[in-house]
Amino acid sequence: MNLLVSINDVIRAFWNKNKKPVGAGNVMYTPSNGGMIVGYGWAVYARRKTVYTGWRGYSSTTSKHITLITRAAPGKYSTSSKRPQVGMTMRVKKAMRG
C-alpha cells in the first residue's frame, strides 16, 4: 500500500472500485466486502454505494471526510444515518498491509 497519498486518493479509489487498498493517515479504502472506506480501523464511512452520514459529528476530521466522500460522487450513492463498525479482522489487517 502506498502511504504517500491523500484522503482524496482514498475516496477516488473507492468510487473507481480499485482492486488494491489505499490508505492515508487513519482512513483506508479496502476492496474487500464489495469495497469500503474505513476510518480509525473500525468505523465504516462508506460501503458499496452507501455513505454512512451518521458518522458526522463523531469528530471534526470524520465530518470532513464524510463531506469529501459525498462531494466526490454526487448522485452515485445513498445515505444512511447508521454508524456501522468493523473489528480489526484478519481481512482488514491484511488489506492494510497491502
PDB file of N, CA and C in Angstrom:
ATOM      1  N   MET A   1       0.841  -1.170   0.000  1.00  0.00           N
ATOM      2  CA  MET A   1       0.000   0.000   0.000  1.00  0.00           C
ATOM      3  C   MET A   1       0.886   1.234   0.000  1.00  0.00           C
ATOM      4  N   ASN A   2       0.565   2.189  -0.845  1.00  0.00           N
ATOM      5  CA  ASN A   2       1.318   3.433  -0.928  1.00  0.00           C
ATOM      6  C   ASN A   2       0.872   4.351   0.208  1.00  0.00           C
ATOM      7  N   LEU A   3       1.797   4.726   1.066  1.00  0.00           N
ATOM      8  CA  LEU A   3       1.449   5.557   2.209  1.00  0.00           C
ATOM      9  C   LEU A   3       1.511   7.052   1.906  1.00  0.00           C
ATOM     10  N   LEU A   4       1.980   7.428   0.721  1.00  0.00           N
ATOM     11  CA  LEU A   4       2.097   8.839   0.370  1.00  0.00           C
ATOM     12  C   LEU A   4       0.903   9.274  -0.479  1.00  0.00           C
ATOM     13  N   VAL A   5      -0.275   9.124   0.075  1.00  0.00           N
ATOM     14  CA  VAL A   5      -1.493   9.506  -0.635  1.00  0.00           C
ATOM     15  C   VAL A   5      -2.324  10.413   0.258  1.00  0.00           C
ATOM     16  N   SER A   6      -3.317  11.037  -0.323  1.00  0.00           N
ATOM     17  CA  SER A   6      -4.198  11.922   0.429  1.00  0.00           C
ATOM     18  C   SER A   6      -5.562  11.259   0.619  1.00  0.00           C
ATOM     19  N   ILE A   7      -6.394  11.873   1.423  1.00  0.00           N
ATOM     20  CA  ILE A   7      -7.752  11.375   1.607  1.00  0.00           C
ATOM     21  C   ILE A   7      -8.496  11.364   0.275  1.00  0.00           C
ATOM     22  N   ASN A   8      -8.187  12.317  -0.598  1.00  0.00           N
ATOM     23  CA  ASN A   8      -8.827  12.350  -1.912  1.00  0.00           C
ATOM     24  C   ASN A   8      -8.454  11.128  -2.749  1.00  0.00           C
ATOM     25  N   ASP A   9      -7.226  10.632  -2.611  1.00  0.00           N
ATOM     26  CA  ASP A   9      -6.821   9.417  -3.313  1.00  0.00           C
ATOM     27  C   ASP A   9      -7.588   8.204  -2.793  1.00  0.00           C
ATOM     28  N   VAL A  10      -7.826   8.174  -1.492  1.00  0.00           N
ATOM     29  CA  VAL A  10      -8.608   7.090  -0.890  1.00  0.00           C
ATOM     30  C   VAL A  10     -10.038   7.119  -1.432  1.00  0.00           C
ATOM     31  N   ILE A  11     -10.629   8.292  -1.469  1.00  0.00           N
ATOM     32  CA  ILE A  11     -12.001   8.447  -1.958  1.00  0.00           C
ATOM     33  C   ILE A  11     -12.086   8.081  -3.439  1.00  0.00           C
ATOM     34  N   ARG A  12     -11.126   8.527  -4.217  1.00  0.00           N
ATOM     35  CA  ARG A  12     -11.101   8.205  -5.645  1.00  0.00           C
ATOM     36  C   ARG A  12     -11.003   6.692  -5.859  1.00  0.00           C
ATOM     37  N   ALA A  13     -10.171   6.030  -5.060  1.00  0.00           N
ATOM     38  CA  ALA A  13     -10.029   4.573  -5.165  1.00  0.00           C
ATOM     39  C   ALA A  13     -11.362   3.881  -4.873  1.00  0.00           C
ATOM     40  N   PHE A  14     -12.095   4.392  -3.889  1.00  0.00           N
ATOM     41  CA  PHE A  14     -13.399   3.827  -3.534  1.00  0.00           C
ATOM     42  C   PHE A  14     -14.384   3.964  -4.690  1.00  0.00           C
ATOM     43  N   TRP A  15     -14.560   5.185  -5.201  1.00  0.00           N
ATOM     44  CA  TRP A  15     -15.548   5.394  -6.258  1.00  0.00           C
ATOM     45  C   TRP A  15     -15.135   4.734  -7.565  1.00  0.00           C
ATOM     46  N   ASN A  16     -13.826   4.569  -7.807  1.00  0.00           N
ATOM     47  CA  ASN A  16     -13.354   3.897  -9.025  1.00  0.00           C
ATOM     48  C   ASN A  16     -13.261   2.385  -8.867  1.00  0.00           C
ATOM     49  N   LYS A  17     -13.566   1.883  -7.675  1.00  0.00           N
ATOM     50  CA  LYS A  17     -13.545   0.447  -7.374  1.00  0.00           C
ATOM     51  C   LYS A  17     -12.185  -0.181  -7.657  1.00  0.00           C
ATOM     52  N   ASN A  18     -11.129   0.482  -7.183  1.00  0.00           N
ATOM     53  CA  ASN A  18      -9.773  -0.049  -7.363  1.00  0.00           C
ATOM     54  C   ASN A  18      -9.674  -1.453  -6.802  1.00  0.00           C
ATOM     55  N   LYS A  19      -8.760  -2.221  -7.345  1.00  0.00           N
ATOM     56  CA  LYS A  19      -8.546  -3.596  -6.898  1.00  0.00           C
ATOM     57  C   LYS A  19      -7.569  -3.686  -5.731  1.00  0.00           C
ATOM     58  N   LYS A  20      -6.826  -2.602  -5.461  1.00  0.00           N
ATOM     59  CA  LYS A  20      -5.838  -2.606  -4.379  1.00  0.00           C
ATOM     60  C   LYS A  20      -6.236  -1.621  -3.295  1.00  0.00           C
ATOM     61  N   PRO A  21      -5.896  -1.920  -2.043  1.00  0.00           N
ATOM     62  CA  PRO A  21      -6.206  -0.998  -0.952  1.00  0.00           C
ATOM     63  C   PRO A  21      -5.363   0.270  -1.021  1.00  0.00           C
ATOM     64  N   VAL A  22      -5.923   1.354  -0.507  1.00  0.00           N
ATOM     65  CA  VAL A  22      -5.234   2.644  -0.465  1.00  0.00           C
ATOM     66  C   VAL A  22      -5.499   3.243   0.918  1.00  0.00           C
ATOM     67  N   GLY A  23      -4.457   3.750   1.566  1.00  0.00           N
ATOM     68  CA  GLY A  23      -4.623   4.331   2.886  1.00  0.00           C
ATOM     69  C   GLY A  23      -3.948   5.684   2.996  1.00  0.00           C
ATOM     70  N   ALA A  24      -4.541   6.553   3.797  1.00  0.00           N
ATOM     71  CA  ALA A  24      -3.972   7.878   4.070  1.00  0.00           C
ATOM     72  C   ALA A  24      -4.279   8.215   5.523  1.00  0.00           C
ATOM     73  N   GLY A  25      -3.255   8.308   6.336  1.00  0.00           N
ATOM     74  CA  GLY A  25      -3.471   8.609   7.750  1.00  0.00           C
ATOM     75  C   GLY A  25      -4.282   7.517   8.407  1.00  0.00           C
ATOM     76  N   ASN A  26      -5.407   7.893   9.011  1.00  0.00           N
ATOM     77  CA  ASN A  26      -6.230   6.915   9.698  1.00  0.00           C
ATOM     78  C   ASN A  26      -7.437   6.471   8.878  1.00  0.00           C
ATOM     79  N   VAL A  27      -7.416   6.698   7.571  1.00  0.00           N
ATOM     80  CA  VAL A  27      -8.515   6.314   6.684  1.00  0.00           C
ATOM     81  C   VAL A  27      -7.960   5.433   5.574  1.00  0.00           C
ATOM     82  N   MET A  28      -8.690   4.358   5.275  1.00  0.00           N
ATOM     83  CA  MET A  28      -8.246   3.498   4.185  1.00  0.00           C
ATOM     84  C   MET A  28      -9.423   2.993   3.368  1.00  0.00           C
ATOM     85  N   TYR A  29      -9.126   2.702   2.110  1.00  0.00           N
ATOM     86  CA  TYR A  29     -10.068   2.031   1.230  1.00  0.00           C
ATOM     87  C   TYR A  29      -9.605   0.589   1.116  1.00  0.00           C
ATOM     88  N   THR A  30     -10.521  -0.336   1.257  1.00  0.00           N
ATOM     89  CA  THR A  30     -10.219  -1.737   1.032  1.00  0.00           C
ATOM     90  C   THR A  30     -11.240  -2.301   0.050  1.00  0.00           C
ATOM     91  N   PRO A  31     -10.788  -3.046  -0.948  1.00  0.00           N
ATOM     92  CA  PRO A  31     -11.726  -3.598  -1.921  1.00  0.00           C
ATOM     93  C   PRO A  31     -12.527  -4.785  -1.381  1.00  0.00           C
ATOM     94  N   SER A  32     -12.181  -5.300  -0.198  1.00  0.00           N
ATOM     95  CA  SER A  32     -12.911  -6.441   0.354  1.00  0.00           C
ATOM     96  C   SER A  32     -14.341  -6.050   0.700  1.00  0.00           C
ATOM     97  N   ASN A  33     -15.199  -7.035   0.759  1.00  0.00           N
ATOM     98  CA  ASN A  33     -16.619  -6.826   1.075  1.00  0.00           C
ATOM     99  C   ASN A  33     -17.305  -5.876   0.106  1.00  0.00           C
ATOM    100  N   GLY A  34     -16.919  -5.874  -1.136  1.00  0.00           N
ATOM    101  CA  GLY A  34     -17.539  -5.008  -2.131  1.00  0.00           C
ATOM    102  C   GLY A  34     -16.982  -3.608  -2.157  1.00  0.00           C
ATOM    103  N   GLY A  35     -15.954  -3.335  -1.375  1.00  0.00           N
ATOM    104  CA  GLY A  35     -15.325  -2.021  -1.319  1.00  0.00           C
ATOM    105  C   GLY A  35     -15.877  -1.183  -0.190  1.00  0.00           C
ATOM    106  N   MET A  36     -14.965  -0.646   0.625  1.00  0.00           N
ATOM    107  CA  MET A  36     -15.412   0.226   1.706  1.00  0.00           C
ATOM    108  C   MET A  36     -14.298   1.153   2.141  1.00  0.00           C
ATOM    109  N   ILE A  37     -14.704   2.268   2.738  1.00  0.00           N
ATOM    110  CA  ILE A  37     -13.766   3.206   3.349  1.00  0.00           C
ATOM    111  C   ILE A  37     -13.925   3.057   4.857  1.00  0.00           C
ATOM    112  N   VAL A  38     -12.810   2.814   5.521  1.00  0.00           N
ATOM    113  CA  VAL A  38     -12.807   2.592   6.962  1.00  0.00           C
ATOM    114  C   VAL A  38     -11.923   3.649   7.615  1.00  0.00           C
ATOM    115  N   GLY A  39     -12.430   4.259   8.686  1.00  0.00           N
ATOM    116  CA  GLY A  39     -11.661   5.218   9.464  1.00  0.00           C
ATOM    117  C   GLY A  39     -11.299   4.636  10.811  1.00  0.00           C
ATOM    118  N   TYR A  40     -10.137   4.967  11.298  1.00  0.00           N
ATOM    119  CA  TYR A  40      -9.658   4.525  12.609  1.00  0.00           C
ATOM    120  C   TYR A  40      -9.557   3.009  12.739  1.00  0.00           C
ATOM    121  N   GLY A  41      -9.629   2.287  11.625  1.00  0.00           N
ATOM    122  CA  GLY A  41      -9.538   0.831  11.658  1.00  0.00           C
ATOM    123  C   GLY A  41     -10.821   0.129  12.046  1.00  0.00           C
ATOM    124  N   TRP A  42     -11.888   0.864  12.332  1.00  0.00           N
ATOM    125  CA  TRP A  42     -13.131   0.213  12.755  1.00  0.00           C
ATOM    126  C   TRP A  42     -14.421   0.907  12.315  1.00  0.00           C
ATOM    127  N   ALA A  43     -14.393   2.175  11.964  1.00  0.00           N
ATOM    128  CA  ALA A  43     -15.606   2.910  11.585  1.00  0.00           C
ATOM    129  C   ALA A  43     -15.792   2.860  10.067  1.00  0.00           C
ATOM    130  N   VAL A  44     -16.877   2.263   9.619  1.00  0.00           N
ATOM    131  CA  VAL A  44     -17.152   2.171   8.185  1.00  0.00           C
ATOM    132  C   VAL A  44     -17.826   3.468   7.742  1.00  0.00           C
ATOM    133  N   TYR A  45     -17.107   4.248   6.930  1.00  0.00           N
ATOM    134  CA  TYR A  45     -17.644   5.520   6.428  1.00  0.00           C
ATOM    135  C   TYR A  45     -18.500   5.313   5.179  1.00  0.00           C
ATOM    136  N   ALA A  46     -18.110   4.367   4.340  1.00  0.00           N
ATOM    137  CA  ALA A  46     -18.849   4.102   3.108  1.00  0.00           C
ATOM    138  C   ALA A  46     -18.634   2.649   2.709  1.00  0.00           C
ATOM    139  N   ARG A  47     -19.691   2.052   2.171  1.00  0.00           N
ATOM    140  CA  ARG A  47     -19.608   0.675   1.690  1.00  0.00           C
ATOM    141  C   ARG A  47     -20.456   0.577   0.433  1.00  0.00           C
ATOM    142  N   ARG A  48     -19.864   0.008  -0.589  1.00  0.00           N
ATOM    143  CA  ARG A  48     -20.521  -0.120  -1.890  1.00  0.00           C
ATOM    144  C   ARG A  48     -21.059   1.227  -2.335  1.00  0.00           C
ATOM    145  N   LYS A  49     -22.358   1.413  -2.383  1.00  0.00           N
ATOM    146  CA  LYS A  49     -22.921   2.702  -2.818  1.00  0.00           C
ATOM    147  C   LYS A  49     -23.653   3.422  -1.695  1.00  0.00           C
ATOM    148  N   THR A  50     -23.240   3.178  -0.449  1.00  0.00           N
ATOM    149  CA  THR A  50     -23.870   3.830   0.693  1.00  0.00           C
ATOM    150  C   THR A  50     -22.824   4.606   1.484  1.00  0.00           C
ATOM    151  N   VAL A  51     -23.128   5.862   1.786  1.00  0.00           N
ATOM    152  CA  VAL A  51     -22.272   6.687   2.634  1.00  0.00           C
ATOM    153  C   VAL A  51     -22.981   6.813   3.982  1.00  0.00           C
ATOM    154  N   TYR A  52     -22.261   6.482   5.052  1.00  0.00           N
ATOM    155  CA  TYR A  52     -22.834   6.496   6.393  1.00  0.00           C
ATOM    156  C   TYR A  52     -22.650   7.867   7.037  1.00  0.00           C
ATOM    157  N   THR A  53     -23.624   8.725   6.801  1.00  0.00           N
ATOM    158  CA  THR A  53     -23.560  10.102   7.291  1.00  0.00           C
ATOM    159  C   THR A  53     -23.774  10.194   8.797  1.00  0.00           C
ATOM    160  N   GLY A  54     -24.168   9.112   9.431  1.00  0.00           N
ATOM    161  CA  GLY A  54     -24.303   9.097  10.883  1.00  0.00           C
ATOM    162  C   GLY A  54     -22.989   9.379  11.586  1.00  0.00           C
ATOM    163  N   TRP A  55     -21.859   9.179  10.885  1.00  0.00           N
ATOM    164  CA  TRP A  55     -20.545   9.448  11.482  1.00  0.00           C
ATOM    165  C   TRP A  55     -20.237  10.932  11.582  1.00  0.00           C
ATOM    166  N   ARG A  56     -21.004  11.774  10.866  1.00  0.00           N
ATOM    167  CA  ARG A  56     -20.784  13.218  11.006  1.00  0.00           C
ATOM    168  C   ARG A  56     -20.972  13.596  12.463  1.00  0.00           C
ATOM    169  N   GLY A  57     -20.081  14.404  12.976  1.00  0.00           N
ATOM    170  CA  GLY A  57     -20.161  14.835  14.359  1.00  0.00           C
ATOM    171  C   GLY A  57     -19.335  13.983  15.308  1.00  0.00           C
ATOM    172  N   TYR A  58     -18.858  12.815  14.843  1.00  0.00           N
ATOM    173  CA  TYR A  58     -18.006  11.983  15.699  1.00  0.00           C
ATOM    174  C   TYR A  58     -16.733  12.747  16.039  1.00  0.00           C
ATOM    175  N   SER A  59     -16.163  13.389  15.042  1.00  0.00           N
ATOM    176  CA  SER A  59     -15.037  14.303  15.228  1.00  0.00           C
ATOM    177  C   SER A  59     -15.054  15.267  14.054  1.00  0.00           C
ATOM    178  N   SER A  60     -14.348  16.358  14.175  1.00  0.00           N
ATOM    179  CA  SER A  60     -14.331  17.319  13.063  1.00  0.00           C
ATOM    180  C   SER A  60     -13.667  16.703  11.837  1.00  0.00           C
ATOM    181  N   THR A  61     -12.650  15.887  12.047  1.00  0.00           N
ATOM    182  CA  THR A  61     -11.975  15.234  10.923  1.00  0.00           C
ATOM    183  C   THR A  61     -12.898  14.230  10.248  1.00  0.00           C
ATOM    184  N   THR A  62     -13.607  13.446  11.032  1.00  0.00           N
ATOM    185  CA  THR A  62     -14.546  12.473  10.470  1.00  0.00           C
ATOM    186  C   THR A  62     -15.630  13.184   9.676  1.00  0.00           C
ATOM    187  N   SER A  63     -16.162  14.272  10.216  1.00  0.00           N
ATOM    188  CA  SER A  63     -17.184  15.043   9.495  1.00  0.00           C
ATOM    189  C   SER A  63     -16.652  15.534   8.161  1.00  0.00           C
ATOM    190  N   LYS A  64     -15.411  16.007   8.146  1.00  0.00           N
ATOM    191  CA  LYS A  64     -14.784  16.474   6.903  1.00  0.00           C
ATOM    192  C   LYS A  64     -14.657  15.326   5.909  1.00  0.00           C
ATOM    193  N   HIS A  65     -14.249  14.151   6.377  1.00  0.00           N
ATOM    194  CA  HIS A  65     -14.087  13.010   5.482  1.00  0.00           C
ATOM    195  C   HIS A  65     -15.427  12.576   4.877  1.00  0.00           C
ATOM    196  N   ILE A  66     -16.476  12.552   5.675  1.00  0.00           N
ATOM    197  CA  ILE A  66     -17.798  12.189   5.159  1.00  0.00           C
ATOM    198  C   ILE A  66     -18.238  13.192   4.097  1.00  0.00           C
ATOM    199  N   THR A  67     -18.016  14.469   4.351  1.00  0.00           N
ATOM    200  CA  THR A  67     -18.364  15.500   3.374  1.00  0.00           C
ATOM    201  C   THR A  67     -17.577  15.315   2.080  1.00  0.00           C
ATOM    202  N   LEU A  68     -16.287  15.039   2.171  1.00  0.00           N
ATOM    203  CA  LEU A  68     -15.470  14.816   0.973  1.00  0.00           C
ATOM    204  C   LEU A  68     -15.944  13.601   0.185  1.00  0.00           C
ATOM    205  N   ILE A  69     -16.324  12.542   0.886  1.00  0.00           N
ATOM    206  CA  ILE A  69     -16.819  11.334   0.206  1.00  0.00           C
ATOM    207  C   ILE A  69     -18.082  11.653  -0.579  1.00  0.00           C
ATOM    208  N   THR A  70     -19.010  12.391   0.021  1.00  0.00           N
ATOM    209  CA  THR A  70     -20.270  12.696  -0.658  1.00  0.00           C
ATOM    210  C   THR A  70     -20.085  13.681  -1.805  1.00  0.00           C
ATOM    211  N   ARG A  71     -19.171  14.621  -1.668  1.00  0.00           N
ATOM    212  CA  ARG A  71     -18.939  15.605  -2.743  1.00  0.00           C
ATOM    213  C   ARG A  71     -18.238  14.990  -3.951  1.00  0.00           C
ATOM    214  N   ALA A  72     -17.515  13.916  -3.735  1.00  0.00           N
ATOM    215  CA  ALA A  72     -16.728  13.321  -4.823  1.00  0.00           C
ATOM    216  C   ALA A  72     -17.583  12.627  -5.877  1.00  0.00           C
ATOM    217  N   ALA A  73     -18.783  12.228  -5.527  1.00  0.00           N
ATOM    218  CA  ALA A  73     -19.626  11.486  -6.474  1.00  0.00           C
ATOM    219  C   ALA A  73     -21.096  11.832  -6.276  1.00  0.00           C
ATOM    220  N   PRO A  74     -21.486  13.072  -6.564  1.00  0.00           N
ATOM    221  CA  PRO A  74     -22.877  13.451  -6.343  1.00  0.00           C
ATOM    222  C   PRO A  74     -23.841  12.570  -7.133  1.00  0.00           C
ATOM    223  N   GLY A  75     -24.866  12.094  -6.441  1.00  0.00           N
ATOM    224  CA  GLY A  75     -25.891  11.293  -7.099  1.00  0.00           C
ATOM    225  C   GLY A  75     -25.563   9.822  -7.275  1.00  0.00           C
ATOM    226  N   LYS A  76     -24.365   9.382  -6.920  1.00  0.00           N
ATOM    227  CA  LYS A  76     -23.969   7.985  -7.127  1.00  0.00           C
ATOM    228  C   LYS A  76     -24.193   7.109  -5.907  1.00  0.00           C
ATOM    229  N   TYR A  77     -24.767   7.633  -4.854  1.00  0.00           N
ATOM    230  CA  TYR A  77     -24.827   6.894  -3.609  1.00  0.00           C
ATOM    231  C   TYR A  77     -26.126   7.180  -2.865  1.00  0.00           C
ATOM    232  N   SER A  78     -26.413   6.308  -1.914  1.00  0.00           N
ATOM    233  CA  SER A  78     -27.484   6.572  -0.965  1.00  0.00           C
ATOM    234  C   SER A  78     -26.822   6.873   0.374  1.00  0.00           C
ATOM    235  N   THR A  79     -27.575   7.438   1.294  1.00  0.00           N
ATOM    236  CA  THR A  79     -27.012   7.746   2.607  1.00  0.00           C
ATOM    237  C   THR A  79     -27.745   6.941   3.675  1.00  0.00           C
ATOM    238  N   SER A  80     -27.070   6.758   4.779  1.00  0.00           N
ATOM    239  CA  SER A  80     -27.651   6.080   5.927  1.00  0.00           C
ATOM    240  C   SER A  80     -27.163   6.799   7.180  1.00  0.00           C
ATOM    241  N   SER A  81     -28.035   6.934   8.146  1.00  0.00           N
ATOM    242  CA  SER A  81     -27.645   7.597   9.396  1.00  0.00           C
ATOM    243  C   SER A  81     -27.027   6.612  10.389  1.00  0.00           C
ATOM    244  N   LYS A  82     -26.818   5.386   9.959  1.00  0.00           N
ATOM    245  CA  LYS A  82     -26.201   4.383  10.824  1.00  0.00           C
ATOM    246  C   LYS A  82     -24.720   4.671  11.017  1.00  0.00           C
ATOM    247  N   ARG A  83     -24.123   4.000  12.014  1.00  0.00           N
ATOM    248  CA  ARG A  83     -22.689   4.087  12.292  1.00  0.00           C
ATOM    249  C   ARG A  83     -22.110   2.671  12.348  1.00  0.00           C
ATOM    250  N   PRO A  84     -22.010   2.016  11.193  1.00  0.00           N
ATOM    251  CA  PRO A  84     -21.501   0.639  11.220  1.00  0.00           C
ATOM    252  C   PRO A  84     -20.026   0.586  11.601  1.00  0.00           C
ATOM    253  N   GLN A  85     -19.653  -0.536  12.205  1.00  0.00           N
ATOM    254  CA  GLN A  85     -18.271  -0.715  12.638  1.00  0.00           C
ATOM    255  C   GLN A  85     -17.778  -2.088  12.215  1.00  0.00           C
ATOM    256  N   VAL A  86     -16.488  -2.184  12.032  1.00  0.00           N
ATOM    257  CA  VAL A  86     -15.852  -3.477  11.808  1.00  0.00           C
ATOM    258  C   VAL A  86     -14.757  -3.632  12.839  1.00  0.00           C
ATOM    259  N   GLY A  87     -14.528  -4.853  13.248  1.00  0.00           N
ATOM    260  CA  GLY A  87     -13.390  -5.122  14.115  1.00  0.00           C
ATOM    261  C   GLY A  87     -12.134  -5.196  13.264  1.00  0.00           C
ATOM    262  N   MET A  88     -11.007  -5.252  13.889  1.00  0.00           N
ATOM    263  CA  MET A  88      -9.762  -5.404  13.148  1.00  0.00           C
ATOM    264  C   MET A  88      -9.609  -6.870  12.761  1.00  0.00           C
ATOM    265  N   THR A  89     -10.441  -7.298  11.827  1.00  0.00           N
ATOM    266  CA  THR A  89     -10.418  -8.683  11.389  1.00  0.00           C
ATOM    267  C   THR A  89      -9.155  -8.953  10.588  1.00  0.00           C
ATOM    268  N   MET A  90      -8.874 -10.201  10.376  1.00  0.00           N
ATOM    269  CA  MET A  90      -7.692 -10.570   9.599  1.00  0.00           C
ATOM    270  C   MET A  90      -7.766  -9.992   8.192  1.00  0.00           C
ATOM    271  N   ARG A  91      -8.971  -9.930   7.623  1.00  0.00           N
ATOM    272  CA  ARG A  91      -9.107  -9.408   6.269  1.00  0.00           C
ATOM    273  C   ARG A  91      -8.722  -7.933   6.208  1.00  0.00           C
ATOM    274  N   VAL A  92      -9.179  -7.138   7.179  1.00  0.00           N
ATOM    275  CA  VAL A  92      -8.848  -5.716   7.212  1.00  0.00           C
ATOM    276  C   VAL A  92      -7.374  -5.538   7.497  1.00  0.00           C
ATOM    277  N   LYS A  93      -6.819  -6.296   8.435  1.00  0.00           N
ATOM    278  CA  LYS A  93      -5.394  -6.200   8.728  1.00  0.00           C
ATOM    279  C   LYS A  93      -4.569  -6.521   7.488  1.00  0.00           C
ATOM    280  N   LYS A  94      -4.970  -7.561   6.757  1.00  0.00           N
ATOM    281  CA  LYS A  94      -4.251  -7.947   5.540  1.00  0.00           C
ATOM    282  C   LYS A  94      -4.335  -6.822   4.507  1.00  0.00           C
ATOM    283  N   ALA A  95      -5.502  -6.225   4.352  1.00  0.00           N
ATOM    284  CA  ALA A  95      -5.675  -5.137   3.378  1.00  0.00           C
ATOM    285  C   ALA A  95      -4.804  -3.938   3.747  1.00  0.00           C
ATOM    286  N   MET A  96      -4.654  -3.684   5.044  1.00  0.00           N
ATOM    287  CA  MET A  96      -3.833  -2.538   5.476  1.00  0.00           C
ATOM    288  C   MET A  96      -2.344  -2.775   5.173  1.00  0.00           C
ATOM    289  N   ARG A  97      -1.940  -4.020   5.197  1.00  0.00           N
ATOM    290  CA  ARG A  97      -0.547  -4.335   4.877  1.00  0.00           C
ATOM    291  C   ARG A  97      -0.284  -4.262   3.391  1.00  0.00           C
ATOM    292  N   GLY A  98      -1.310  -4.445   2.580  1.00  0.00           N
ATOM    293  CA  GLY A  98      -1.160  -4.355   1.132  1.00  0.00           C
ATOM    294  C   GLY A  98      -0.897  -5.596   0.450  1.00  0.00           C
TER     295      GLY A  98
END
